[in-house]
């Protein structure tokens, strides 16, 4: 079935497009292209008449302009540490001695030039190097290099070729295990299952803010400016009352268009930050606010995923994973005394690019086999109401650690998710652990399945020192500028107004003092509605006084 091709890299010719602004040299892109090709290698598939499937297996991650697009995306979206790590290793791998230090004996050859740089190594040797980096326990930066390139390479590659593919969703059949299943309220009609709501409903039935609240705001005279980014709040000292409190006069923004160099300054009686829990704190800190609660107490609702494969002839699994609603049902994993909810099991909406970035990579062939089965692969995730907390800093750096009890709860939820997939009729199930942890269910004894479930644990993330690691996801972000009764207890008061700056309000998920344990959308919307009513009433009173 498999025949690998040691294809040469088109980028070796030195032909570069001027539309990319990543700043990496031709030699660095050559090394990156070699990594992308090892992650997504060109393979031959002889036992199929399906031309589309044949073309998919023949496709390579080194095909232009994918490596340049990967570099561009990492430069734009990656944290500075990731960009620096990538730049350093790509430069090292462009040299033969550097490759020898990083890759060891696989880069050696009996024939001249005896030592190859990474791009000159055979495809098999490069794949072997990536496999070793993925399992690296001591030199963690190599593992992180693998993770960064793998995520961005797969996202670029599969977001380019999905075409009209829709987003996946699957309603778990928990009833086989006698488990209670609750329906999830949705802001769409009960029978709406377009399969694309997660990335923008084409019919508008989802009732997103783009078709509801923003439209209402424009009808009421609001002006919406796109293509710009808030840089800082405009502050002045407030001399009224003899306090050191400042007054917010508005916001200063920059255009995201490189051709516009002038800054935008908007002055207002009231300024509201609704940037979310990850972006509101950096904006407030950059603007000079010092309250220690700003950026602290971050909660993420950490998530681990499980998967199950259902063949075409499965009577339990009709249709494809990208058909149906976003999230339609959930199951609560409770403690032994049924008093506390340990985790929630739900069905995620994962498109091909997202699936490829999350799923474990153990070899190029295994990856392509997984993607070929994508339409028949169902996913479940376990979500916990985290007790731990993180921090968001001014430069948008995020630090977060799981509490021990959170790890135990997410592990219980992950095991329950695997049980549900098995009961639903999956012929193969697994987790997202880096070694591709999985088991074939059909024909497997019950005790062997139980032994496999016992091996399903909540391992650490990519930076852990253990051999095994996994990709954690975040379902929701909240709490990084919590509301408090006093300045010591919160970043804003009960009205959402900053303790340090009059006229500056926060109306987003960062207000929540704790993690809610479920989707916080309604809670955030309700809180914002109540606060906006108070703000409007205060402005009316001010007009009467004036």
Protein backbone atom coordinates (compact mmCIF):
# COMPACT_ATOMS: atom_id res chain seq x y z
CA UNK A 1 0.00 0.00 0.00
CA UNK A 2 2.66 2.51 1.01
CA UNK A 3 5.39 3.87 -1.18
CA UNK A 4 7.14 6.96 0.08
CA UNK A 5 8.59 9.48 -2.29
CA UNK A 6 11.77 11.34 -1.39
CA UNK A 7 10.52 14.38 -3.17
CA UNK A 8 12.74 17.41 -3.47
CA UNK A 9 11.49 20.64 -1.98
CA UNK A 10 10.27 23.24 -4.47
CA UNK A 11 11.61 25.94 -2.16
CA UNK A 12 15.18 24.78 -2.72
CA UNK A 13 15.19 26.75 -5.95
CA UNK A 14 15.13 29.96 -3.95
CA UNK A 15 11.96 31.26 -5.63
CA UNK A 16 10.11 33.18 -2.94
CA UNK A 17 6.81 34.99 -3.04
CA UNK A 18 6.82 38.61 -1.91
CA UNK A 19 3.36 38.34 -0.31
CA UNK A 20 4.73 36.67 2.83
CA UNK A 21 5.99 38.79 5.70
CA UNK A 22 7.23 36.18 8.18
CA UNK A 23 10.86 37.28 7.81
CA UNK A 24 12.36 33.77 7.81
CA UNK A 25 15.27 33.15 5.46
CA UNK A 26 15.14 30.78 2.49
CA UNK A 27 17.27 28.28 4.43
CA UNK A 28 14.88 28.38 7.38
CA UNK A 29 11.86 27.85 5.14
CA UNK A 30 13.72 24.96 3.51
CA UNK A 31 14.04 23.30 6.94
CA UNK A 32 10.39 24.06 7.72
CA UNK A 33 9.28 22.57 4.40
CA UNK A 34 11.24 19.41 5.24
CA UNK A 35 9.43 19.16 8.57
CA UNK A 36 6.02 19.75 6.95
CA UNK A 37 6.74 17.01 4.40
CA UNK A 38 7.68 14.57 7.16
CA UNK A 39 4.45 15.38 9.01
CA UNK A 40 2.33 15.07 5.86
CA UNK A 41 4.32 12.82 3.48
CA UNK A 42 3.41 11.93 -0.11
CA UNK A 43 2.27 8.29 -0.12
CA UNK A 44 0.97 5.99 -2.84
CA UNK A 45 -2.31 4.15 -2.36
CA UNK A 46 -2.69 1.24 -4.76
CA UNK A 47 -5.72 -0.57 -3.33
CA UNK A 48 -8.36 2.02 -4.11
CA UNK A 49 -10.19 3.35 -7.15
CA UNK A 50 -11.19 6.49 -5.31
CA UNK A 51 -9.28 9.25 -7.08
CA UNK A 52 -9.98 11.81 -4.36
CA UNK A 53 -8.54 9.49 -1.73
CA UNK A 54 -5.58 8.70 -3.96
CA UNK A 55 -4.87 12.43 -4.42
CA UNK A 56 -5.08 13.00 -0.68
CA UNK A 57 -2.46 10.34 0.07
CA UNK A 58 -0.19 11.76 -2.67
CA UNK A 59 -0.41 15.29 -1.27
CA UNK A 60 2.54 16.67 0.71
CA UNK A 61 2.91 19.27 3.43
CA UNK A 62 5.89 20.75 1.57
CA UNK A 63 3.80 21.82 -1.42
CA UNK A 64 4.08 25.59 -1.90
CA UNK A 65 2.90 27.88 -0.51
CA UNK A 66 2.11 25.79 2.60
CA UNK A 67 5.50 26.20 4.38
CA UNK A 68 5.41 29.96 3.88
CA UNK A 69 1.81 30.07 5.07
CA UNK A 70 2.76 28.07 8.15
CA UNK A 71 5.60 30.49 8.91
CA UNK A 72 3.32 33.48 8.37
CA UNK A 73 0.63 32.09 10.67
CA UNK A 74 3.11 31.24 13.43
CA UNK A 75 4.61 34.75 13.20
CA UNK A 76 1.16 36.36 13.40
CA UNK A 77 -0.60 34.09 15.89
CA UNK A 78 2.17 32.39 17.85
CA UNK A 79 3.45 33.70 21.17
CA UNK A 80 6.91 35.35 20.94
CA UNK A 81 8.51 32.37 22.69
CA UNK A 82 7.17 29.98 20.04
CA UNK A 83 8.34 32.22 17.21
CA UNK A 84 11.81 32.50 18.74
CA UNK A 85 12.01 28.75 19.33
CA UNK A 86 11.03 28.02 15.74
CA UNK A 87 13.45 30.56 14.30
CA UNK A 88 16.35 29.20 16.33
CA UNK A 89 15.84 25.54 15.48
CA UNK A 90 15.10 26.19 11.80
CA UNK A 91 18.40 28.02 11.54
CA UNK A 92 20.25 25.24 13.40
CA UNK A 93 18.69 22.57 11.17
CA UNK A 94 19.76 24.44 8.03
CA UNK A 95 23.39 23.64 8.92
CA UNK A 96 24.91 20.15 8.79
CA UNK A 97 26.69 20.37 12.14
CA UNK A 98 23.58 21.86 13.70
CA UNK A 99 21.50 18.98 12.36
CA UNK A 100 24.04 16.53 13.75
CA UNK A 101 23.67 18.06 17.21
CA UNK A 102 19.86 17.98 17.07
CA UNK A 103 19.17 14.77 15.13
CA UNK A 104 22.24 12.63 15.83
CA UNK A 105 23.17 9.61 13.70
CA UNK A 106 20.13 9.68 11.30
CA UNK A 107 21.75 12.60 9.46
CA UNK A 108 24.95 10.63 8.78
CA UNK A 109 25.65 8.99 5.43
CA UNK A 110 28.44 6.70 4.20
CA UNK A 111 28.64 8.69 1.02
CA UNK A 112 29.59 12.34 0.70
CA UNK A 113 28.86 14.82 2.11
CA UNK A 114 28.64 12.31 5.02
CA UNK A 115 26.58 14.73 7.14
CA UNK A 116 23.25 16.03 5.84
CA UNK A 117 21.32 19.03 7.00
CA UNK A 118 17.67 18.36 7.89
CA UNK A 119 16.29 19.09 4.42
CA UNK A 120 18.85 16.73 2.83
CA UNK A 121 17.89 13.81 5.07
CA UNK A 122 15.64 11.10 3.62
CA UNK A 123 11.93 11.33 4.34
CA UNK A 124 12.08 8.24 6.55
CA UNK A 125 14.93 9.69 8.62
CA UNK A 126 13.10 12.99 9.04
CA UNK A 127 9.97 11.17 10.19
CA UNK A 128 12.08 9.20 12.65
CA UNK A 129 13.49 12.47 14.02
CA UNK A 130 10.01 13.94 14.52
CA UNK A 131 8.86 10.79 16.30
CA UNK A 132 11.81 11.06 18.66
CA UNK A 133 11.16 14.77 19.30
CA UNK A 134 7.55 13.98 20.14
CA UNK A 135 8.69 11.52 22.83
CA UNK A 136 11.54 13.71 24.09
CA UNK A 137 11.61 13.82 27.92
CA UNK A 138 14.77 15.78 28.67
CA UNK A 139 15.13 18.41 25.94
CA UNK A 140 11.57 19.74 26.15
CA UNK A 141 12.16 22.58 23.61
CA UNK A 142 12.48 19.92 20.88
CA UNK A 143 9.08 18.51 21.84
CA UNK A 144 7.62 22.01 21.84
CA UNK A 145 9.15 22.60 18.39
CA UNK A 146 7.37 19.48 17.16
CA UNK A 147 4.06 20.61 18.69
CA UNK A 148 4.23 24.13 17.24
CA UNK A 149 5.04 23.01 13.70
CA UNK A 150 2.55 20.13 13.85
CA UNK A 151 -0.35 22.36 14.96
CA UNK A 152 0.22 25.14 12.45
CA UNK A 153 1.18 22.85 9.56
CA UNK A 154 -1.95 20.72 9.92
CA UNK A 155 -4.18 23.75 10.37
CA UNK A 156 -2.86 25.40 7.20
CA UNK A 157 -2.92 22.18 5.17
CA UNK A 158 -6.41 21.01 6.08
CA UNK A 159 -8.03 24.43 6.14
CA UNK A 160 -6.89 24.81 2.52
CA UNK A 161 -8.38 21.59 1.18
CA UNK A 162 -11.64 21.16 3.06
CA UNK A 163 -13.63 23.01 0.42
CA UNK A 164 -17.34 22.79 1.22
CA UNK A 165 -16.87 20.37 4.13
CA UNK A 166 -19.05 21.19 7.10
CA UNK A 167 -18.33 21.00 10.78
CA UNK A 168 -18.74 17.76 12.70
CA UNK A 169 -21.05 17.06 15.56
CA UNK A 170 -22.45 13.91 17.04
CA UNK A 171 -25.14 13.23 19.60
CA UNK A 172 -23.84 10.48 21.90
CA UNK A 173 -26.14 7.52 22.50
CA UNK A 174 -25.60 7.40 26.29
CA UNK A 175 -28.86 5.52 26.97
CA UNK A 176 -27.14 2.16 26.30
CA UNK A 177 -25.27 2.56 29.57
CA UNK A 178 -28.35 3.71 31.44
CA UNK A 179 -26.93 7.22 31.77
CA UNK A 180 -28.97 10.38 32.06
CA UNK A 181 -28.75 12.66 29.04
CA UNK A 182 -29.81 16.32 29.19
CA UNK A 183 -30.67 18.48 26.21
CA UNK A 184 -28.59 21.59 25.63
CA UNK A 185 -30.58 24.81 25.03
CA UNK A 186 -29.59 26.42 21.77
CA UNK A 187 -30.24 29.84 20.23
CA UNK A 188 -31.73 28.29 17.09
CA UNK A 189 -34.88 26.46 16.13
CA UNK A 190 -35.28 22.95 17.56
CA UNK A 191 -34.95 21.20 14.20
CA UNK A 192 -31.99 23.23 12.89
CA UNK A 193 -28.99 21.00 12.05
CA UNK A 194 -27.08 22.73 9.26
CA UNK A 195 -23.69 21.46 10.45
CA UNK A 196 -22.01 24.83 9.93
CA UNK A 197 -23.22 26.89 12.90
CA UNK A 198 -19.91 26.61 14.73
CA UNK A 199 -18.13 28.75 12.12
CA UNK A 200 -21.05 30.91 11.04
CA UNK A 201 -24.57 29.70 10.23
CA UNK A 202 -25.20 30.22 6.48
CA UNK A 203 -28.95 30.62 7.02
CA UNK A 204 -28.79 32.88 10.08
CA UNK A 205 -30.95 30.47 12.08
CA UNK A 206 -28.33 30.29 14.84
CA UNK A 207 -29.30 33.81 15.93
CA UNK A 208 -25.74 34.96 16.57
CA UNK A 209 -24.90 38.51 17.62
CA UNK A 210 -24.11 39.37 13.99
CA UNK A 211 -27.81 38.96 13.15
CA UNK A 212 -29.37 40.07 16.46
CA UNK A 213 -27.76 42.45 18.96
CA UNK A 214 -25.32 44.14 16.60
CA UNK A 215 -28.15 44.75 14.12
CA UNK A 216 -30.29 46.22 16.91
CA UNK A 217 -27.38 48.42 18.00
CA UNK A 218 -26.92 49.84 14.50
CA UNK A 219 -30.65 50.52 14.25
CA UNK A 220 -30.35 52.52 17.46
CA UNK A 221 -27.53 54.65 16.06
CA UNK A 222 -24.42 52.67 17.00
CA UNK A 223 -21.40 52.93 14.70
CA UNK A 224 -19.31 49.76 14.36
CA UNK A 225 -15.67 50.17 13.34
CA UNK A 226 -13.93 47.10 11.96
CA UNK A 227 -10.30 46.54 11.04
CA UNK A 228 -8.90 48.28 14.10
CA UNK A 229 -7.49 47.24 17.47
CA UNK A 230 -7.81 49.00 20.83
CA UNK A 231 -4.36 50.02 22.02
CA UNK A 232 -5.07 51.71 25.34
CA UNK A 233 -7.68 53.63 27.30
CA UNK A 234 -7.25 57.40 27.49
CA UNK A 235 -6.87 58.45 31.13
CA UNK A 236 -6.61 61.73 33.03
CA UNK A 237 -6.30 62.50 36.72
CA UNK A 238 -9.66 63.12 38.36
CA UNK A 239 -9.26 66.01 40.78
CA UNK A 240 -12.86 65.93 42.00
CA UNK A 241 -13.29 64.65 45.55
CA UNK A 242 -9.60 64.82 46.35
CA UNK A 243 -8.91 61.19 45.39
CA UNK A 244 -6.17 59.70 43.26
CA UNK A 245 -8.71 57.96 41.04
CA UNK A 246 -8.41 58.53 37.31
CA UNK A 247 -11.11 59.26 34.76
CA UNK A 248 -11.40 57.38 31.44
CA UNK A 249 -12.01 59.69 28.51
CA UNK A 250 -12.17 57.09 25.74
CA UNK A 251 -9.95 54.75 23.82
CA UNK A 252 -7.03 54.96 21.42
CA UNK A 253 -6.90 52.41 18.60
CA UNK A 254 -4.68 51.50 15.68
CA UNK A 255 -5.67 50.34 12.23
CA UNK A 256 -4.90 46.76 11.24
CA UNK A 257 -4.32 47.99 7.70
CA UNK A 258 -0.61 48.65 7.20
CA UNK A 259 -1.35 51.48 4.77
CA UNK A 260 -3.04 53.50 7.53
CA UNK A 261 -0.50 54.86 9.99
CA UNK A 262 -2.62 57.38 11.89
CA UNK A 263 -4.11 56.35 15.22
CA UNK A 264 -7.81 56.54 15.99
CA UNK A 265 -8.92 58.34 19.15
CA UNK A 266 -12.50 58.04 20.37
CA UNK A 267 -13.71 60.15 23.28
CA UNK A 268 -16.79 59.16 25.25
CA UNK A 269 -18.56 59.73 28.56
CA UNK A 270 -18.54 56.00 29.17
CA UNK A 271 -16.04 53.44 27.87
CA UNK A 272 -16.83 49.71 28.01
CA UNK A 273 -14.32 46.90 27.58
CA UNK A 274 -15.86 43.69 26.23
CA UNK A 275 -12.68 42.08 24.90
CA UNK A 276 -13.12 38.80 26.78
CA UNK A 277 -11.14 37.26 29.61
CA UNK A 278 -7.94 36.93 27.59
CA UNK A 279 -7.77 40.44 26.11
CA UNK A 280 -9.50 42.76 28.59
CA UNK A 281 -6.77 42.44 31.30
CA UNK A 282 -3.82 43.24 28.96
CA UNK A 283 -5.67 46.32 27.67
CA UNK A 284 -6.37 47.55 31.20
CA UNK A 285 -2.83 46.89 32.45
CA UNK A 286 -1.29 48.57 29.38
CA UNK A 287 -3.48 51.59 30.13
CA UNK A 288 -1.85 51.98 33.53
CA UNK A 289 -4.34 50.30 35.88
CA UNK A 290 -2.65 48.65 38.88
CA UNK A 291 -5.38 46.67 40.65
CA UNK A 292 -3.80 43.25 41.48
CA UNK A 293 -7.03 41.43 40.56
CA UNK A 294 -6.71 42.46 36.92
CA UNK A 295 -5.28 39.47 35.06
CA UNK A 296 -5.61 37.08 38.01
CA UNK A 297 -8.19 34.36 38.73
CA UNK A 298 -8.39 33.10 35.14
CA UNK A 299 -10.59 30.02 34.64
CA UNK A 300 -10.63 28.05 31.39
CA UNK A 301 -12.93 25.02 31.81
CA UNK A 302 -10.16 22.60 30.71
CA UNK A 303 -11.13 19.85 28.29
CA UNK A 304 -9.78 16.44 27.22
CA UNK A 305 -11.14 14.58 24.20
CA UNK A 306 -11.78 10.98 23.22
CA UNK A 307 -12.60 9.57 19.79
CA UNK A 308 -14.37 6.55 18.34
CA UNK A 309 -14.40 5.20 14.80
CA UNK A 310 -17.60 3.85 13.23
CA UNK A 311 -17.39 2.00 9.88
CA UNK A 312 -19.73 2.59 6.96
CA UNK A 313 -21.85 -0.47 7.79
CA UNK A 314 -22.45 0.64 11.39
CA UNK A 315 -26.15 0.50 12.24
CA UNK A 316 -25.59 2.66 15.32
CA UNK A 317 -23.97 5.56 13.51
CA UNK A 318 -25.93 7.05 10.65
CA UNK A 319 -24.67 9.86 8.47
CA UNK A 320 -21.35 11.64 8.99
CA UNK A 321 -19.77 13.45 11.93
CA UNK A 322 -20.04 16.84 10.25
CA UNK A 323 -23.85 16.54 10.04
CA UNK A 324 -26.15 17.80 12.77
CA UNK A 325 -26.23 20.57 15.37
CA UNK A 326 -23.28 21.98 17.27
CA UNK A 327 -23.90 20.65 20.78
CA UNK A 328 -27.28 19.04 21.38
CA UNK A 329 -26.86 16.86 24.49
CA UNK A 330 -24.69 16.40 27.56
CA UNK A 331 -24.11 13.88 30.35
CA UNK A 332 -23.05 14.82 33.88
CA UNK A 333 -20.47 12.58 35.52
CA UNK A 334 -21.32 12.62 39.22
CA UNK A 335 -19.46 11.47 42.33
CA UNK A 336 -20.26 8.13 44.01
CA UNK A 337 -22.76 9.74 46.37
CA UNK A 338 -24.36 11.63 43.45
CA UNK A 339 -23.84 14.91 45.29
CA UNK A 340 -21.28 16.63 43.07
CA UNK A 341 -20.83 16.89 39.31
CA UNK A 342 -17.24 15.87 38.57
CA UNK A 343 -17.29 16.51 34.83
CA UNK A 344 -19.58 17.08 31.87
CA UNK A 345 -19.40 14.97 28.70
CA UNK A 346 -20.47 16.74 25.51
CA UNK A 347 -20.08 16.50 21.76
CA UNK A 348 -17.66 19.03 20.21
CA UNK A 349 -17.78 20.56 16.77
CA UNK A 350 -14.40 19.80 15.21
CA UNK A 351 -13.65 20.65 11.60
CA UNK A 352 -10.92 18.83 9.64
CA UNK A 353 -8.23 21.43 10.41
CA UNK A 354 -9.03 21.47 14.15
CA UNK A 355 -9.15 17.67 14.25
CA UNK A 356 -5.77 17.42 12.53
CA UNK A 357 -4.10 19.84 14.97
CA UNK A 358 -5.41 18.00 18.04
CA UNK A 359 -5.16 14.35 17.03
CA UNK A 360 -1.89 12.60 17.97
CA UNK A 361 0.72 12.21 15.23
CA UNK A 362 2.73 8.98 15.37
CA UNK A 363 3.64 8.72 11.67
CA UNK A 364 2.75 10.20 8.33
CA UNK A 365 0.83 7.10 7.24
CA UNK A 366 -1.13 6.89 10.48
CA UNK A 367 -2.08 10.55 10.17
CA UNK A 368 -3.42 10.13 6.65
CA UNK A 369 -5.33 7.00 7.67
CA UNK A 370 -6.91 8.98 10.51
CA UNK A 371 -7.90 11.85 8.23
CA UNK A 372 -9.32 9.43 5.66
CA UNK A 373 -11.62 8.18 8.46
CA UNK A 374 -12.48 11.67 9.65
CA UNK A 375 -16.11 11.64 8.48
CA UNK A 376 -16.81 8.47 10.50
CA UNK A 377 -14.86 9.48 13.62
CA UNK A 378 -17.00 10.72 16.50
CA UNK A 379 -15.65 12.84 19.32
CA UNK A 380 -16.62 13.43 22.93
CA UNK A 381 -15.00 15.76 25.43
CA UNK A 382 -14.87 15.88 29.21
CA UNK A 383 -15.13 19.35 30.75
CA UNK A 384 -14.46 20.23 34.39
CA UNK A 385 -15.31 23.26 36.49
CA UNK A 386 -11.75 24.13 37.37
CA UNK A 387 -10.75 25.05 40.90
CA UNK A 388 -7.29 26.08 39.84
CA UNK A 389 -6.64 29.45 38.28
CA UNK A 390 -4.33 31.20 35.88
CA UNK A 391 -3.01 34.64 35.06
CA UNK A 392 -3.12 36.91 32.01
CA UNK A 393 -0.31 39.46 31.78
CA UNK A 394 0.02 42.75 29.96
CA UNK A 395 1.87 41.22 27.01
CA UNK A 396 -0.98 38.70 26.71
CA UNK A 397 1.09 35.91 28.22
CA UNK A 398 -1.06 33.27 29.88
CA UNK A 399 -0.07 31.00 32.73
CA UNK A 400 -2.43 28.29 33.91
CA UNK A 401 -2.14 25.13 35.99
CA UNK A 402 -4.65 22.40 36.72
CA UNK A 403 -5.57 21.74 40.33
CA UNK A 404 -5.04 18.15 41.49
CA UNK A 405 -8.78 17.60 41.97
CA UNK A 406 -9.38 18.98 38.48
CA UNK A 407 -7.05 16.32 37.04
CA UNK A 408 -8.91 13.59 38.91
CA UNK A 409 -12.28 14.88 37.70
CA UNK A 410 -11.25 15.30 34.07
CA UNK A 411 -9.81 11.78 34.16
CA UNK A 412 -13.16 10.42 35.39
CA UNK A 413 -14.92 12.33 32.63
CA UNK A 414 -12.50 11.10 29.95
CA UNK A 415 -13.01 7.47 30.98
CA UNK A 416 -16.77 7.95 30.87
CA UNK A 417 -16.48 9.45 27.38
CA UNK A 418 -14.59 6.36 26.18
CA UNK A 419 -17.22 4.08 27.76
CA UNK A 420 -19.98 5.95 25.93
CA UNK A 421 -18.21 5.58 22.58
CA UNK A 422 -17.74 1.85 23.15
CA UNK A 423 -21.40 1.42 24.11
CA UNK A 424 -22.46 3.41 21.04
CA UNK A 425 -20.85 0.79 18.81
CA UNK A 426 -17.43 2.21 17.93
CA UNK A 427 -15.12 -0.47 16.52
CA UNK A 428 -12.06 1.45 17.73
CA UNK A 429 -11.66 4.08 20.45
CA UNK A 430 -8.79 6.15 21.75
CA UNK A 431 -7.59 9.33 23.40
CA UNK A 432 -5.50 12.25 22.19
CA UNK A 433 -2.36 11.09 24.02
CA UNK A 434 0.82 11.63 22.02
CA UNK A 435 1.52 7.92 21.52
CA UNK A 436 -1.85 7.39 19.82
CA UNK A 437 -3.43 5.47 22.72
CA UNK A 438 -6.24 3.32 21.28
CA UNK A 439 -7.91 -0.10 21.37
CA UNK A 440 -9.91 -2.14 18.87
CA UNK A 441 -13.26 -2.89 20.51
CA UNK A 442 -14.64 -5.54 18.18
CA UNK A 443 -13.74 -9.00 19.45
CA UNK A 444 -11.95 -7.64 22.54
CA UNK A 445 -12.76 -9.23 25.89
CA UNK A 446 -14.52 -7.17 28.52
CA UNK A 447 -11.63 -7.46 30.97
CA UNK A 448 -9.22 -6.18 28.30
CA UNK A 449 -11.46 -3.18 27.71
CA UNK A 450 -11.52 -2.49 31.45
CA UNK A 451 -7.73 -2.73 31.55
CA UNK A 452 -7.55 -0.19 28.74
CA UNK A 453 -9.92 2.15 30.59
CA UNK A 454 -7.68 1.93 33.65
CA UNK A 455 -4.79 3.14 31.50
CA UNK A 456 -6.74 6.26 30.45
CA UNK A 457 -5.35 8.96 32.72
CA UNK A 458 -5.02 12.73 32.65
CA UNK A 459 -1.38 13.13 31.65
CA UNK A 460 0.32 16.51 31.44
CA UNK A 461 0.55 18.86 28.48
CA UNK A 462 3.40 19.13 25.91
CA UNK A 463 5.77 20.78 28.39
CA UNK A 464 5.54 17.95 30.93
CA UNK A 465 8.64 15.88 31.66
CA UNK A 466 6.84 12.57 31.24
CA UNK A 467 7.07 10.42 28.13
CA UNK A 468 3.33 10.68 27.60
CA UNK A 469 1.52 13.98 27.11
CA UNK A 470 -1.67 15.20 25.52
CA UNK A 471 -3.30 18.26 24.01
CA UNK A 472 -5.62 20.07 26.41
CA UNK A 473 -8.29 22.39 25.11
CA UNK A 474 -10.18 25.26 26.69
CA UNK A 475 -13.95 25.42 26.41
CA UNK A 476 -14.53 28.85 27.96
CA UNK A 477 -12.51 31.67 29.49
CA UNK A 478 -13.69 33.72 32.46
CA UNK A 479 -12.80 35.43 35.72
CA UNK A 480 -9.63 37.43 34.91
CA UNK A 481 -11.07 40.77 36.07
CA UNK A 482 -13.54 39.60 38.66
CA UNK A 483 -16.23 41.73 40.22
CA UNK A 484 -15.72 42.43 43.92
CA UNK A 485 -17.39 44.25 46.82
CA UNK A 486 -14.13 46.06 47.56
CA UNK A 487 -11.03 47.09 45.66
CA UNK A 488 -9.09 44.31 47.38
CA UNK A 489 -11.60 41.67 46.28
CA UNK A 490 -12.06 42.56 42.64
CA UNK A 491 -10.87 44.56 39.65
CA UNK A 492 -14.28 46.25 39.22
CA UNK A 493 -17.22 47.03 41.51
CA UNK A 494 -20.76 45.59 41.48
CA UNK A 495 -21.63 47.89 38.57
CA UNK A 496 -18.72 46.65 36.46
CA UNK A 497 -16.89 49.98 36.87
CA UNK A 498 -13.16 50.08 37.45
CA UNK A 499 -12.14 50.93 41.01
CA UNK A 500 -9.30 53.02 39.58
CA UNK A 501 -10.90 54.84 36.63
CA UNK A 502 -14.30 56.52 36.56
CA UNK A 503 -16.28 55.90 33.41
CA UNK A 504 -14.45 52.69 32.54
CA UNK A 505 -16.64 49.58 32.66
CA UNK A 506 -16.09 45.89 31.95
CA UNK A 507 -18.92 43.80 30.47
CA UNK A 508 -17.62 40.36 29.51
CA UNK A 509 -16.72 36.96 30.96
CA UNK A 510 -13.79 38.33 32.92
CA UNK A 511 -16.27 39.70 35.49
CA UNK A 512 -17.24 36.25 36.77
CA UNK A 513 -15.68 35.56 40.21
CA UNK A 514 -15.61 31.77 39.72
CA UNK A 515 -15.95 29.20 36.95
CA UNK A 516 -19.61 28.35 36.40
CA UNK A 517 -19.07 24.74 35.29
CA UNK A 518 -21.26 24.99 32.18
CA UNK A 519 -21.34 27.14 29.06
CA UNK A 520 -21.28 30.69 30.51
CA UNK A 521 -22.88 32.38 27.48
CA UNK A 522 -26.27 33.09 29.09
CA UNK A 523 -24.63 34.16 32.36
CA UNK A 524 -22.32 36.59 30.56
CA UNK A 525 -25.14 37.98 28.42
CA UNK A 526 -27.43 38.43 31.44
CA UNK A 527 -24.70 40.15 33.44
CA UNK A 528 -23.84 42.46 30.54
CA UNK A 529 -27.52 43.29 30.06
CA UNK A 530 -27.97 44.22 33.74
CA UNK A 531 -24.82 46.32 33.79
CA UNK A 532 -25.69 48.11 30.55
CA UNK A 533 -29.09 49.03 32.00
CA UNK A 534 -27.35 50.53 35.05
CA UNK A 535 -24.93 52.45 32.82
CA UNK A 536 -27.81 53.81 30.72
CA UNK A 537 -29.73 54.86 33.84
CA UNK A 538 -26.67 56.63 35.26
CA UNK A 539 -26.19 58.57 32.02
CA UNK A 540 -29.83 59.66 32.08
CA UNK A 541 -29.45 60.93 35.64
CA UNK A 542 -26.30 62.80 34.64
CA UNK A 543 -28.18 64.50 31.81
CA UNK A 544 -30.92 65.58 34.21
CA UNK A 545 -28.36 67.04 36.62
CA UNK A 546 -26.52 68.84 33.83
